[in-house]
Structures are given as structure tokens and as C-alpha cells.
Amino acid sequence: MEFDFNINHIFPDEVTLIGEKSPFRNKTNSRLLERNLQIVIDTLGKRSAKAQQLTGSITTFLKSQLNNHRLFILKDDCANNGLGCVIGFLKVGKKRLFVLDRDGNHNEMNPLCVLDFYVHESQQRKGCGLCLFKHMLSMEATKASHLAIDRPSHKFISFLKKHFNLWATIPQVNNFVIFDGFFKNRSDMVRNSSSGSDKISQFRPLSRAVSDGIIKRNRQSDHTVMSTALKD
């Protein structure tokens, strides 16, 4: 995605993390940089929403600031005659969830969640999505199996299976999907309640029917969803 301003002034690195605090606070042209950053994020959100055929953006500059989300933005610094271009973004954030384990216990947790993921159509199937995802895992000091993913699409499920060998899910009653290994070697479990009456005795892969249901709810909901545009 190209813009009529130099994005290298906004995103200094190949993958830049944008958090809740302005990265331009001590710069003389901070207002201009902040305005351009908002243009980029809002444009990315619109492209992600369009790829999913949603009526409104689920990622905006304002929402990211208010909800303490973290955006990882991937760029090509040499494109657009040196002005650079944006390739894609990945949005994550922590959420308080009650998560079912394989025995049917409710666990109160605050896991890192993947909330939106988009790679520009011209840059798909080039390893850009994997580069972005691996950078996020490194920066957040986590691993793919420890993530809770909000309404993943077929393509994102395939992406995780191909690159991270994640396929066995632990069924949940909310819209998040977690995989085998989610509960292993982590320190953010707050409370483990007694087992529920409906036991979940084993892990199971996410079937095409379940994934179809997730995508159908995707299009009917105004809440946060995963981008269906990812083909990496």
C-alpha cells in the first residue's frame, strides 16, 4: 500500500510496533507524523474490512489507542520511489477470558490474543505474513500455541497448521480458538474452577464445518474478527 508521504519517517524498522503511547512525542513534527500514522492505520483497517466484506472497520487508530492494542506493521522501505509502502499488519492485545481446558475446567486467564491480521493482496504468498507473525512472537516473548485467536478463518487455520503445526483445538464456548499446548508452561492462569458437568475429554481438530460456522458469525458480527485475506 502506497501513500503520498514517506512512511519511513513513521515506521523506522522493517516491522514497527505501534503501542498505546505515541512514538512521536519528542519530535518537532509530531502532529504531522501522528496524522500520517492515523491515515495508515485507518487505511489498513478499511482494507482488512473490505477483504472480509464487512460493513465497517474493526481496526482504527482510535480503537487501537483506546483498547491498548499493539499493532505490528510490516513495510518495504525502498518501494514507491523511496517513500516506502506498507505490506501488512498484525494486531494483538490481552483480554480477560474464561477458557475451558481439556477436562472441562474453566480457567480465568489474561492471554495474548490475535485480533486482526492482514497482508496486502499484492504481497501474499511471499512469506510476508510469516515474517510478521514470527516477529510478533519474538517481540511478545510468546509462542503460537499460547495465543487465543478471535474467529480465525480457513486461511489462518491453514497458516498455523503449515508453519506452527497447530491443528488440534480445545473447544470453547466463546468466539476464541485455542490449540493443544495452550495451557503448557505459562504463568498467566488466574483461577482454575472445579470441573463442569460437561467434560471435554480430548483435543480435536477444527473441522471445516466448525470453521464455516466461525466465518459465518464473522460476517454477521460487528465485533473483532480475523482477516480472511491472509493467504501466506
C-alpha atoms as a PDB file:
ATOM      1  CA  MET A   1       0.000   0.000   0.000  1.00  0.00           C
ATOM      2  CA  GLU A   2       1.500   3.302  -1.115  1.00  0.00           C
ATOM      3  CA  PHE A   3       0.928   6.768   0.336  1.00  0.00           C
ATOM      4  CA  ASP A   4       1.862  10.267  -0.800  1.00  0.00           C
ATOM      5  CA  PHE A   5       4.158  10.757   2.211  1.00  0.00           C
ATOM      6  CA  ASN A   6       7.299   8.970   3.361  1.00  0.00           C
ATOM      7  CA  ILE A   7       6.242   6.107   5.603  1.00  0.00           C
ATOM      8  CA  ASN A   8       9.868   5.541   6.606  1.00  0.00           C
ATOM      9  CA  HIS A   9       9.503   8.613   8.821  1.00  0.00           C
ATOM     10  CA  ILE A  10       6.690   6.834  10.674  1.00  0.00           C
ATOM     11  CA  PHE A  11       7.963   3.257  10.687  1.00  0.00           C
ATOM     12  CA  PRO A  12      11.746   3.185  11.223  1.00  0.00           C
ATOM     13  CA  ASP A  13      12.085  -0.604  11.118  1.00  0.00           C
ATOM     14  CA  GLU A  14      11.030  -3.320   8.696  1.00  0.00           C
ATOM     15  CA  VAL A  15       8.482  -4.343  11.335  1.00  0.00           C
ATOM     16  CA  THR A  16       7.494  -1.494  13.644  1.00  0.00           C
ATOM     17  CA  LEU A  17       5.470  -1.899  16.826  1.00  0.00           C
ATOM     18  CA  ILE A  18       2.832   0.749  17.476  1.00  0.00           C
ATOM     19  CA  GLY A  19       1.507   0.664  21.045  1.00  0.00           C
ATOM     20  CA  GLU A  20      -0.714   2.825  23.206  1.00  0.00           C
ATOM     21  CA  LYS A  21       1.844   5.633  23.551  1.00  0.00           C
ATOM     22  CA  SER A  22       2.698   7.952  20.694  1.00  0.00           C
ATOM     23  CA  PRO A  23       6.133   7.173  19.209  1.00  0.00           C
ATOM     24  CA  PHE A  24       6.473  10.801  18.102  1.00  0.00           C
ATOM     25  CA  ARG A  25       6.103  12.531  21.455  1.00  0.00           C
ATOM     26  CA  ASN A  26       9.539  14.189  21.432  1.00  0.00           C
ATOM     27  CA  LYS A  27       9.733  15.022  17.733  1.00  0.00           C
ATOM     28  CA  THR A  28       9.291  18.535  16.364  1.00  0.00           C
ATOM     29  CA  ASN A  29       6.845  17.461  13.644  1.00  0.00           C
ATOM     30  CA  SER A  30       4.929  15.113  15.928  1.00  0.00           C
ATOM     31  CA  ARG A  31       1.481  16.344  14.837  1.00  0.00           C
ATOM     32  CA  LEU A  32       2.156  15.654  11.179  1.00  0.00           C
ATOM     33  CA  LEU A  33       3.629  12.231  11.921  1.00  0.00           C
ATOM     34  CA  GLU A  34       0.677  11.381  14.166  1.00  0.00           C
ATOM     35  CA  ARG A  35      -1.776  12.405  11.455  1.00  0.00           C
ATOM     36  CA  ASN A  36       0.020  10.293   8.861  1.00  0.00           C
ATOM     37  CA  LEU A  37       0.119   7.338  11.251  1.00  0.00           C
ATOM     38  CA  GLN A  38      -3.639   7.620  11.697  1.00  0.00           C
ATOM     39  CA  ILE A  39      -4.107   7.661   7.917  1.00  0.00           C
ATOM     40  CA  VAL A  40      -2.048   4.483   7.540  1.00  0.00           C
ATOM     41  CA  ILE A  41      -3.790   2.560  10.336  1.00  0.00           C
ATOM     42  CA  ASP A  42      -7.273   3.620   9.265  1.00  0.00           C
ATOM     43  CA  THR A  43      -6.469   2.659   5.663  1.00  0.00           C
ATOM     44  CA  LEU A  44      -5.178  -0.743   6.764  1.00  0.00           C
ATOM     45  CA  GLY A  45      -8.359  -1.276   8.764  1.00  0.00           C
ATOM     46  CA  LYS A  46     -10.527  -0.428   5.766  1.00  0.00           C
ATOM     47  CA  ARG A  47      -8.592  -2.791   3.508  1.00  0.00           C
ATOM     48  CA  SER A  48      -8.896  -5.579   6.060  1.00  0.00           C
ATOM     49  CA  ALA A  49     -12.637  -4.978   6.408  1.00  0.00           C
ATOM     50  CA  LYS A  50     -13.104  -4.881   2.634  1.00  0.00           C
ATOM     51  CA  ALA A  51     -11.298  -8.206   2.279  1.00  0.00           C
ATOM     52  CA  GLN A  52     -13.838  -9.691   4.697  1.00  0.00           C
ATOM     53  CA  GLN A  53     -16.841  -7.914   3.160  1.00  0.00           C
ATOM     54  CA  LEU A  54     -17.584  -6.204   6.471  1.00  0.00           C
ATOM     55  CA  THR A  55     -19.669  -3.049   6.700  1.00  0.00           C
ATOM     56  CA  GLY A  56     -17.188  -1.265   8.964  1.00  0.00           C
ATOM     57  CA  SER A  57     -13.552  -1.327  10.010  1.00  0.00           C
ATOM     58  CA  ILE A  58     -12.591  -3.359  13.051  1.00  0.00           C
ATOM     59  CA  THR A  59      -9.156  -1.748  13.234  1.00  0.00           C
ATOM     60  CA  THR A  60      -8.837   2.020  13.509  1.00  0.00           C
ATOM     61  CA  PHE A  61      -6.289   4.348  15.020  1.00  0.00           C
ATOM     62  CA  LEU A  62      -8.725   5.475  17.719  1.00  0.00           C
ATOM     63  CA  LYS A  63      -9.835   1.955  18.677  1.00  0.00           C
ATOM     64  CA  SER A  64      -6.246   0.810  18.952  1.00  0.00           C
ATOM     65  CA  GLN A  65      -5.413   3.683  21.288  1.00  0.00           C
ATOM     66  CA  LEU A  66      -8.484   3.225  23.482  1.00  0.00           C
ATOM     67  CA  ASN A  67      -8.185  -0.552  23.773  1.00  0.00           C
ATOM     68  CA  ASN A  68      -4.446  -0.716  24.348  1.00  0.00           C
ATOM     69  CA  HIS A  69      -3.890  -2.852  21.262  1.00  0.00           C
ATOM     70  CA  ARG A  70      -0.458  -3.435  19.782  1.00  0.00           C
ATOM     71  CA  LEU A  71      -0.004  -3.214  16.026  1.00  0.00           C
ATOM     72  CA  PHE A  72       2.937  -4.733  14.193  1.00  0.00           C
ATOM     73  CA  ILE A  73       3.293  -3.066  10.800  1.00  0.00           C
ATOM     74  CA  LEU A  74       5.441  -4.515   8.012  1.00  0.00           C
ATOM     75  CA  LYS A  75       6.891  -2.234   5.328  1.00  0.00           C
ATOM     76  CA  ASP A  76       9.072  -2.210   2.227  1.00  0.00           C
ATOM     77  CA  ASP A  77      11.312   0.813   2.712  1.00  0.00           C
ATOM     78  CA  CYS A  78      12.527   1.025  -0.900  1.00  0.00           C
ATOM     79  CA  ALA A  79       9.198   0.872  -2.717  1.00  0.00           C
ATOM     80  CA  ASN A  80       7.266   3.845  -4.111  1.00  0.00           C
ATOM     81  CA  ASN A  81      10.415   5.670  -5.260  1.00  0.00           C
ATOM     82  CA  GLY A  82      11.922   5.590  -1.797  1.00  0.00           C
ATOM     83  CA  LEU A  83       8.786   6.697   0.054  1.00  0.00           C
ATOM     84  CA  GLY A  84       8.186   3.105   1.136  1.00  0.00           C
ATOM     85  CA  CYS A  85       4.978   1.080   1.197  1.00  0.00           C
ATOM     86  CA  VAL A  86       3.044  -0.831   3.842  1.00  0.00           C
ATOM     87  CA  ILE A  87       2.787  -4.585   3.276  1.00  0.00           C
ATOM     88  CA  GLY A  88       0.502  -5.613   6.125  1.00  0.00           C
ATOM     89  CA  PHE A  89      -0.225  -5.571   9.830  1.00  0.00           C
ATOM     90  CA  LEU A  90      -0.951  -7.812  12.798  1.00  0.00           C
ATOM     91  CA  LYS A  91      -2.987  -6.625  15.792  1.00  0.00           C
ATOM     92  CA  VAL A  92      -2.733  -8.251  19.216  1.00  0.00           C
ATOM     93  CA  GLY A  93      -3.926  -7.443  22.714  1.00  0.00           C
ATOM     94  CA  LYS A  94      -4.538  -9.084  26.069  1.00  0.00           C
ATOM     95  CA  LYS A  95      -8.076  -9.984  27.095  1.00  0.00           C
ATOM     96  CA  ARG A  96      -9.584 -11.412  30.257  1.00  0.00           C
ATOM     97  CA  LEU A  97     -11.064 -14.753  29.228  1.00  0.00           C
ATOM     98  CA  PHE A  98     -12.592 -17.808  30.849  1.00  0.00           C
ATOM     99  CA  VAL A  99     -11.015 -20.658  28.932  1.00  0.00           C
ATOM    100  CA  LEU A 100     -12.002 -24.321  29.000  1.00  0.00           C
ATOM    101  CA  ASP A 101      -9.213 -26.867  29.326  1.00  0.00           C
ATOM    102  CA  ARG A 102      -9.371 -30.447  28.053  1.00  0.00           C
ATOM    103  CA  ASP A 103     -11.083 -31.597  31.286  1.00  0.00           C
ATOM    104  CA  GLY A 104     -13.856 -29.021  31.075  1.00  0.00           C
ATOM    105  CA  ASN A 105     -12.429 -26.760  33.801  1.00  0.00           C
ATOM    106  CA  HIS A 106     -12.964 -23.018  33.499  1.00  0.00           C
ATOM    107  CA  ASN A 107      -9.683 -21.108  33.755  1.00  0.00           C
ATOM    108  CA  GLU A 108      -9.644 -17.354  34.256  1.00  0.00           C
ATOM    109  CA  MET A 109      -6.766 -16.042  32.169  1.00  0.00           C
ATOM    110  CA  ASN A 110      -5.339 -12.944  30.540  1.00  0.00           C
ATOM    111  CA  PRO A 111      -3.793 -14.357  27.351  1.00  0.00           C
ATOM    112  CA  LEU A 112      -2.382 -12.525  24.388  1.00  0.00           C
ATOM    113  CA  CYS A 113      -4.996 -12.600  21.621  1.00  0.00           C
ATOM    114  CA  VAL A 114      -4.641 -12.223  17.873  1.00  0.00           C
ATOM    115  CA  LEU A 115      -7.339  -9.759  16.847  1.00  0.00           C
ATOM    116  CA  ASP A 116      -6.656  -8.847  13.218  1.00  0.00           C
ATOM    117  CA  PHE A 117      -4.184  -9.916  10.528  1.00  0.00           C
ATOM    118  CA  TYR A 118      -3.936  -8.550   7.001  1.00  0.00           C
ATOM    119  CA  VAL A 119      -1.378  -8.767   4.199  1.00  0.00           C
ATOM    120  CA  HIS A 120      -1.873  -6.698   1.060  1.00  0.00           C
ATOM    121  CA  GLU A 121      -3.134  -8.772  -1.849  1.00  0.00           C
ATOM    122  CA  SER A 122      -0.072  -7.988  -3.989  1.00  0.00           C
ATOM    123  CA  GLN A 123       2.258  -9.327  -1.285  1.00  0.00           C
ATOM    124  CA  GLN A 124       0.551 -12.586  -0.385  1.00  0.00           C
ATOM    125  CA  ARG A 125       2.280 -15.970  -0.783  1.00  0.00           C
ATOM    126  CA  LYS A 126       5.699 -14.344  -0.433  1.00  0.00           C
ATOM    127  CA  GLY A 127       6.428 -15.132   3.207  1.00  0.00           C
ATOM    128  CA  CYS A 128       5.393 -11.675   4.423  1.00  0.00           C
ATOM    129  CA  GLY A 129       2.721 -12.982   6.776  1.00  0.00           C
ATOM    130  CA  LEU A 130       5.125 -15.475   8.332  1.00  0.00           C
ATOM    131  CA  CYS A 131       7.784 -12.784   8.770  1.00  0.00           C
ATOM    132  CA  LEU A 132       5.260 -10.549  10.502  1.00  0.00           C
ATOM    133  CA  PHE A 133       3.906 -13.316  12.712  1.00  0.00           C
ATOM    134  CA  LYS A 134       7.350 -14.547  13.800  1.00  0.00           C
ATOM    135  CA  HIS A 135       8.419 -11.009  14.631  1.00  0.00           C
ATOM    136  CA  MET A 136       5.367 -10.597  16.844  1.00  0.00           C
ATOM    137  CA  LEU A 137       6.112 -13.860  18.667  1.00  0.00           C
ATOM    138  CA  SER A 138       9.676 -12.722  19.300  1.00  0.00           C
ATOM    139  CA  MET A 139       8.699  -9.237  20.489  1.00  0.00           C
ATOM    140  CA  GLU A 140       5.943 -10.567  22.746  1.00  0.00           C
ATOM    141  CA  ALA A 141       8.183 -13.395  24.049  1.00  0.00           C
ATOM    142  CA  THR A 142       5.493 -15.979  23.413  1.00  0.00           C
ATOM    143  CA  LYS A 143       4.764 -18.900  21.119  1.00  0.00           C
ATOM    144  CA  ALA A 144       1.962 -19.604  18.708  1.00  0.00           C
ATOM    145  CA  SER A 145       0.361 -22.302  20.861  1.00  0.00           C
ATOM    146  CA  HIS A 146      -0.110 -19.806  23.726  1.00  0.00           C
ATOM    147  CA  LEU A 147      -2.233 -17.424  21.647  1.00  0.00           C
ATOM    148  CA  ALA A 148      -6.010 -17.124  21.725  1.00  0.00           C
ATOM    149  CA  ILE A 149      -7.300 -16.291  18.264  1.00  0.00           C
ATOM    150  CA  ASP A 150     -10.530 -14.433  17.658  1.00  0.00           C
ATOM    151  CA  ARG A 151     -12.642 -16.059  14.932  1.00  0.00           C
ATOM    152  CA  PRO A 152      -9.873 -17.383  12.660  1.00  0.00           C
ATOM    153  CA  SER A 153     -10.631 -18.051   9.008  1.00  0.00           C
ATOM    154  CA  HIS A 154      -9.861 -21.185   6.992  1.00  0.00           C
ATOM    155  CA  LYS A 155      -6.743 -19.484   5.645  1.00  0.00           C
ATOM    156  CA  PHE A 156      -5.464 -18.518   9.052  1.00  0.00           C
ATOM    157  CA  ILE A 157      -6.095 -22.015  10.416  1.00  0.00           C
ATOM    158  CA  SER A 158      -4.151 -23.417   7.446  1.00  0.00           C
ATOM    159  CA  PHE A 159      -1.377 -20.886   8.056  1.00  0.00           C
ATOM    160  CA  LEU A 160      -0.985 -22.008  11.678  1.00  0.00           C
ATOM    161  CA  LYS A 161      -1.062 -25.672  10.741  1.00  0.00           C
ATOM    162  CA  LYS A 162       1.523 -25.250   7.983  1.00  0.00           C
ATOM    163  CA  HIS A 163       4.025 -23.074   9.831  1.00  0.00           C
ATOM    164  CA  PHE A 164       3.485 -23.972  13.504  1.00  0.00           C
ATOM    165  CA  ASN A 165       1.973 -27.474  13.378  1.00  0.00           C
ATOM    166  CA  LEU A 166      -1.150 -26.284  15.208  1.00  0.00           C
ATOM    167  CA  TRP A 167      -4.255 -28.267  14.317  1.00  0.00           C
ATOM    168  CA  ALA A 168      -5.805 -29.782  17.483  1.00  0.00           C
ATOM    169  CA  THR A 169      -8.169 -27.325  19.127  1.00  0.00           C
ATOM    170  CA  ILE A 170      -9.700 -27.272  22.596  1.00  0.00           C
ATOM    171  CA  PRO A 171     -13.418 -26.476  22.128  1.00  0.00           C
ATOM    172  CA  GLN A 172     -14.589 -23.217  23.720  1.00  0.00           C
ATOM    173  CA  VAL A 173     -17.938 -21.583  24.422  1.00  0.00           C
ATOM    174  CA  ASN A 174     -16.738 -18.155  23.251  1.00  0.00           C
ATOM    175  CA  ASN A 175     -15.503 -16.966  19.857  1.00  0.00           C
ATOM    176  CA  PHE A 176     -11.839 -17.631  20.565  1.00  0.00           C
ATOM    177  CA  VAL A 177      -9.918 -20.631  19.276  1.00  0.00           C
ATOM    178  CA  ILE A 178      -7.053 -22.175  21.250  1.00  0.00           C
ATOM    179  CA  PHE A 179      -4.822 -25.091  20.362  1.00  0.00           C
ATOM    180  CA  ASP A 180      -3.171 -28.051  22.025  1.00  0.00           C
ATOM    181  CA  GLY A 181      -0.335 -26.666  24.136  1.00  0.00           C
ATOM    182  CA  PHE A 182      -2.198 -23.528  25.177  1.00  0.00           C
ATOM    183  CA  PHE A 183      -2.011 -24.407  28.882  1.00  0.00           C
ATOM    184  CA  LYS A 184       1.542 -25.742  28.903  1.00  0.00           C
ATOM    185  CA  ASN A 185       4.315 -23.813  30.701  1.00  0.00           C
ATOM    186  CA  ARG A 186       2.537 -20.495  31.186  1.00  0.00           C
ATOM    187  CA  SER A 187       2.198 -18.214  34.209  1.00  0.00           C
ATOM    188  CA  ASP A 188      -0.917 -16.121  33.484  1.00  0.00           C
ATOM    189  CA  MET A 189      -3.551 -18.549  34.783  1.00  0.00           C
ATOM    190  CA  VAL A 190      -5.523 -16.739  37.478  1.00  0.00           C
ATOM    191  CA  ARG A 191      -8.024 -19.315  38.678  1.00  0.00           C
ATOM    192  CA  ASN A 192      -8.983 -22.876  37.868  1.00  0.00           C
ATOM    193  CA  SER A 193     -12.560 -23.670  38.819  1.00  0.00           C
ATOM    194  CA  SER A 194     -13.991 -27.107  39.510  1.00  0.00           C
ATOM    195  CA  SER A 195     -14.835 -29.249  36.529  1.00  0.00           C
ATOM    196  CA  GLY A 196     -18.075 -28.535  34.745  1.00  0.00           C
ATOM    197  CA  SER A 197     -20.752 -31.117  34.196  1.00  0.00           C
ATOM    198  CA  ASP A 198     -19.909 -31.376  30.508  1.00  0.00           C
ATOM    199  CA  LYS A 199     -16.433 -32.856  30.339  1.00  0.00           C
ATOM    200  CA  ILE A 200     -14.200 -32.322  27.346  1.00  0.00           C
ATOM    201  CA  SER A 201     -12.096 -35.461  27.230  1.00  0.00           C
ATOM    202  CA  GLN A 202      -9.834 -34.887  24.271  1.00  0.00           C
ATOM    203  CA  PHE A 203      -8.410 -32.379  21.835  1.00  0.00           C
ATOM    204  CA  ARG A 204      -9.965 -32.246  18.413  1.00  0.00           C
ATOM    205  CA  PRO A 205      -9.031 -30.657  15.088  1.00  0.00           C
ATOM    206  CA  LEU A 206     -11.074 -27.730  13.827  1.00  0.00           C
ATOM    207  CA  SER A 207     -13.388 -29.225  11.232  1.00  0.00           C
ATOM    208  CA  ARG A 208     -14.393 -27.482   8.040  1.00  0.00           C
ATOM    209  CA  ALA A 209     -17.954 -27.254   9.372  1.00  0.00           C
ATOM    210  CA  VAL A 210     -16.799 -25.516  12.556  1.00  0.00           C
ATOM    211  CA  SER A 211     -14.599 -23.169  10.553  1.00  0.00           C
ATOM    212  CA  ASP A 212     -17.537 -22.409   8.247  1.00  0.00           C
ATOM    213  CA  GLY A 213     -19.601 -21.521  11.299  1.00  0.00           C
ATOM    214  CA  ILE A 214     -16.884 -19.205  12.571  1.00  0.00           C
ATOM    215  CA  ILE A 215     -16.698 -17.401   9.257  1.00  0.00           C
ATOM    216  CA  LYS A 216     -20.485 -17.093   9.085  1.00  0.00           C
ATOM    217  CA  ARG A 217     -20.508 -15.465  12.533  1.00  0.00           C
ATOM    218  CA  ASN A 218     -17.656 -13.286  11.327  1.00  0.00           C
ATOM    219  CA  ARG A 219     -19.809 -11.659   8.709  1.00  0.00           C
ATOM    220  CA  GLN A 220     -22.799 -11.248  10.996  1.00  0.00           C
ATOM    221  CA  SER A 221     -20.920  -9.648  13.893  1.00  0.00           C
ATOM    222  CA  ASP A 222     -19.596  -6.146  14.457  1.00  0.00           C
ATOM    223  CA  HIS A 223     -17.024  -7.388  16.943  1.00  0.00           C
ATOM    224  CA  THR A 224     -13.344  -8.088  16.334  1.00  0.00           C
ATOM    225  CA  VAL A 225     -12.640 -10.713  13.684  1.00  0.00           C
ATOM    226  CA  MET A 226      -9.672 -12.231  11.922  1.00  0.00           C
ATOM    227  CA  SER A 227      -8.866 -11.097   8.420  1.00  0.00           C
ATOM    228  CA  THR A 228      -9.806 -13.618   5.753  1.00  0.00           C
ATOM    229  CA  ALA A 229      -7.360 -12.022   3.343  1.00  0.00           C
ATOM    230  CA  LEU A 230      -4.289 -13.827   4.647  1.00  0.00           C
ATOM    231  CA  LYS A 231      -3.072 -16.337   2.110  1.00  0.00           C
ATOM    232  CA  ASP A 232       0.521 -16.619   3.286  1.00  0.00           C
END
